[in-house]
């Protein structure tokens, strides 16, 4: 089974507010040219989560970090 990292875990690790993080990720997901992985993975009304070490997680870290 693959390891999953959630937005809550990522926010705790990076010490940022989860509301602000969701807002940043939603904004980034609406720009598929700049952030193709986030745009592909984002589903409305679904929790943010990524497979550890995936391209999507790296994009999320770059946006939130």
N, C-alpha and C. Protein backbone atom coordinates (compact mmCIF):
# COMPACT_ATOMS: atom_id res chain seq x y z
N UNK A 1 0.84 -1.18 0.00
CA UNK A 1 0.00 0.00 0.00
C UNK A 1 0.88 1.25 0.00
N UNK A 2 0.53 2.22 -0.82
CA UNK A 2 1.35 3.42 -0.93
C UNK A 2 1.06 4.39 0.22
N UNK A 3 2.05 5.17 0.56
CA UNK A 3 1.90 6.15 1.63
C UNK A 3 1.20 7.38 1.09
N UNK A 4 0.21 7.85 1.82
CA UNK A 4 -0.57 9.02 1.43
C UNK A 4 -0.25 10.14 2.42
N UNK A 5 -0.07 11.34 1.89
CA UNK A 5 0.11 12.51 2.75
C UNK A 5 -1.09 13.42 2.53
N UNK A 6 -1.67 13.87 3.62
CA UNK A 6 -2.86 14.73 3.54
C UNK A 6 -2.45 16.19 3.69
N UNK A 7 -3.38 17.06 3.38
CA UNK A 7 -3.12 18.49 3.53
C UNK A 7 -2.88 18.83 5.00
N UNK A 8 -3.59 18.19 5.88
CA UNK A 8 -3.42 18.44 7.31
C UNK A 8 -2.00 18.13 7.76
N UNK A 9 -1.46 17.00 7.29
CA UNK A 9 -0.09 16.63 7.63
C UNK A 9 0.90 17.63 7.03
N UNK A 10 0.66 18.03 5.81
CA UNK A 10 1.55 18.97 5.14
C UNK A 10 1.53 20.32 5.84
N UNK A 11 0.36 20.78 6.27
CA UNK A 11 0.24 22.05 6.97
C UNK A 11 0.96 22.00 8.32
N UNK A 12 0.84 20.89 9.02
CA UNK A 12 1.53 20.75 10.30
C UNK A 12 3.05 20.77 10.10
N UNK A 13 3.50 20.11 9.07
CA UNK A 13 4.93 20.05 8.78
C UNK A 13 5.49 21.43 8.39
N UNK A 14 4.73 22.16 7.57
CA UNK A 14 5.19 23.46 7.09
C UNK A 14 4.77 24.62 8.00
N UNK A 15 3.99 24.31 9.03
CA UNK A 15 3.51 25.29 10.01
C UNK A 15 2.75 26.44 9.34
N UNK A 16 1.73 26.07 8.54
CA UNK A 16 0.87 27.07 7.92
C UNK A 16 -0.59 26.74 8.22
N UNK A 17 -1.43 27.72 8.07
CA UNK A 17 -2.86 27.58 8.32
C UNK A 17 -3.51 26.78 7.19
N UNK A 18 -4.35 25.82 7.54
CA UNK A 18 -4.95 24.95 6.53
C UNK A 18 -5.92 25.71 5.61
N UNK A 19 -6.59 26.70 6.13
CA UNK A 19 -7.52 27.49 5.29
C UNK A 19 -6.74 28.23 4.21
N UNK A 20 -5.65 28.86 4.59
CA UNK A 20 -4.81 29.58 3.63
C UNK A 20 -4.21 28.61 2.61
N UNK A 21 -3.81 27.43 3.08
CA UNK A 21 -3.22 26.43 2.19
C UNK A 21 -4.23 25.96 1.15
N UNK A 22 -5.46 25.69 1.57
CA UNK A 22 -6.49 25.27 0.62
C UNK A 22 -6.75 26.34 -0.42
N UNK A 23 -6.77 27.60 0.02
CA UNK A 23 -7.00 28.72 -0.89
C UNK A 23 -5.88 28.80 -1.93
N UNK A 24 -4.63 28.68 -1.49
CA UNK A 24 -3.50 28.72 -2.41
C UNK A 24 -3.55 27.56 -3.41
N UNK A 25 -3.89 26.37 -2.92
CA UNK A 25 -3.93 25.19 -3.80
C UNK A 25 -5.06 25.30 -4.82
N UNK A 26 -6.22 25.80 -4.39
CA UNK A 26 -7.33 25.98 -5.34
C UNK A 26 -6.95 26.96 -6.44
N UNK A 27 -6.32 28.06 -6.05
CA UNK A 27 -5.90 29.06 -7.02
C UNK A 27 -4.90 28.46 -8.00
N UNK A 28 -3.95 27.70 -7.50
CA UNK A 28 -2.94 27.07 -8.35
C UNK A 28 -3.56 26.02 -9.26
N UNK A 29 -4.54 25.28 -8.77
CA UNK A 29 -5.18 24.23 -9.56
C UNK A 29 -5.95 24.80 -10.75
N UNK A 30 -6.35 26.05 -10.67
CA UNK A 30 -7.08 26.69 -11.77
C UNK A 30 -6.15 27.17 -12.88
N UNK A 31 -4.84 26.96 -12.72
CA UNK A 31 -3.87 27.34 -13.74
C UNK A 31 -3.11 26.10 -14.21
N UNK A 32 -3.71 25.31 -15.10
CA UNK A 32 -3.10 24.03 -15.50
C UNK A 32 -1.79 24.16 -16.26
N UNK A 33 -1.53 25.32 -16.84
CA UNK A 33 -0.25 25.49 -17.54
C UNK A 33 0.91 25.59 -16.57
N UNK A 34 0.71 26.28 -15.45
CA UNK A 34 1.77 26.44 -14.45
C UNK A 34 1.87 25.23 -13.53
N UNK A 35 0.73 24.64 -13.18
CA UNK A 35 0.68 23.54 -12.20
C UNK A 35 -0.14 22.38 -12.75
N UNK A 36 0.39 21.64 -13.70
CA UNK A 36 -0.41 20.58 -14.35
C UNK A 36 -0.81 19.44 -13.43
N UNK A 37 0.05 19.05 -12.50
CA UNK A 37 -0.28 17.95 -11.60
C UNK A 37 -1.42 18.31 -10.65
N UNK A 38 -1.38 19.50 -10.09
CA UNK A 38 -2.46 19.92 -9.19
C UNK A 38 -3.78 20.03 -9.93
N UNK A 39 -3.73 20.56 -11.14
CA UNK A 39 -4.96 20.69 -11.92
C UNK A 39 -5.55 19.32 -12.24
N UNK A 40 -4.68 18.36 -12.50
CA UNK A 40 -5.14 17.02 -12.84
C UNK A 40 -5.70 16.29 -11.61
N UNK A 41 -5.09 16.49 -10.44
CA UNK A 41 -5.49 15.76 -9.24
C UNK A 41 -6.66 16.38 -8.48
N UNK A 42 -6.90 17.67 -8.68
CA UNK A 42 -7.92 18.36 -7.89
C UNK A 42 -9.33 17.96 -8.30
N UNK A 43 -10.10 17.54 -7.32
CA UNK A 43 -11.52 17.23 -7.50
C UNK A 43 -12.31 18.11 -6.53
N UNK A 44 -13.30 18.86 -7.02
CA UNK A 44 -14.09 19.71 -6.12
C UNK A 44 -14.74 18.89 -4.99
N UNK A 45 -14.76 19.48 -3.83
CA UNK A 45 -15.36 18.88 -2.63
C UNK A 45 -14.67 17.60 -2.15
N UNK A 46 -13.46 17.36 -2.62
CA UNK A 46 -12.70 16.19 -2.18
C UNK A 46 -11.50 16.69 -1.37
N UNK A 47 -11.09 15.94 -0.36
CA UNK A 47 -9.93 16.37 0.44
C UNK A 47 -8.64 16.32 -0.38
N UNK A 48 -7.74 17.22 -0.08
CA UNK A 48 -6.44 17.23 -0.73
C UNK A 48 -5.57 16.13 -0.15
N UNK A 49 -5.01 15.28 -0.99
CA UNK A 49 -4.07 14.25 -0.55
C UNK A 49 -3.22 13.84 -1.74
N UNK A 50 -2.01 13.38 -1.44
CA UNK A 50 -1.06 13.00 -2.48
C UNK A 50 -0.32 11.75 -2.05
N UNK A 51 0.22 11.04 -3.01
CA UNK A 51 1.10 9.92 -2.72
C UNK A 51 2.46 10.52 -2.38
N UNK A 52 3.09 10.02 -1.31
CA UNK A 52 4.39 10.55 -0.90
C UNK A 52 5.39 10.43 -2.03
N UNK A 53 6.10 11.53 -2.28
CA UNK A 53 7.13 11.55 -3.30
C UNK A 53 6.63 11.77 -4.71
N UNK A 54 5.33 11.96 -4.89
CA UNK A 54 4.77 12.15 -6.23
C UNK A 54 5.01 13.57 -6.73
N UNK A 55 4.79 13.76 -8.01
CA UNK A 55 4.94 15.08 -8.61
C UNK A 55 3.91 16.06 -8.04
N UNK A 56 2.71 15.56 -7.75
CA UNK A 56 1.67 16.40 -7.16
C UNK A 56 2.06 16.92 -5.79
N UNK A 57 2.68 16.06 -4.98
CA UNK A 57 3.12 16.49 -3.65
C UNK A 57 4.22 17.54 -3.77
N UNK A 58 5.12 17.35 -4.70
CA UNK A 58 6.22 18.31 -4.90
C UNK A 58 5.68 19.66 -5.34
N UNK A 59 4.68 19.67 -6.22
CA UNK A 59 4.05 20.93 -6.64
C UNK A 59 3.37 21.60 -5.46
N UNK A 60 2.66 20.83 -4.65
CA UNK A 60 1.96 21.39 -3.49
C UNK A 60 2.96 21.99 -2.52
N UNK A 61 4.05 21.28 -2.26
CA UNK A 61 5.08 21.81 -1.36
C UNK A 61 5.68 23.11 -1.89
N UNK A 62 5.90 23.17 -3.20
CA UNK A 62 6.47 24.40 -3.77
C UNK A 62 5.51 25.58 -3.63
N UNK A 63 4.21 25.32 -3.76
CA UNK A 63 3.22 26.38 -3.62
C UNK A 63 3.08 26.82 -2.16
N UNK A 64 3.07 25.86 -1.26
CA UNK A 64 2.84 26.17 0.15
C UNK A 64 4.11 26.58 0.89
N UNK A 65 5.25 26.17 0.37
CA UNK A 65 6.52 26.44 1.06
C UNK A 65 7.05 27.75 0.75
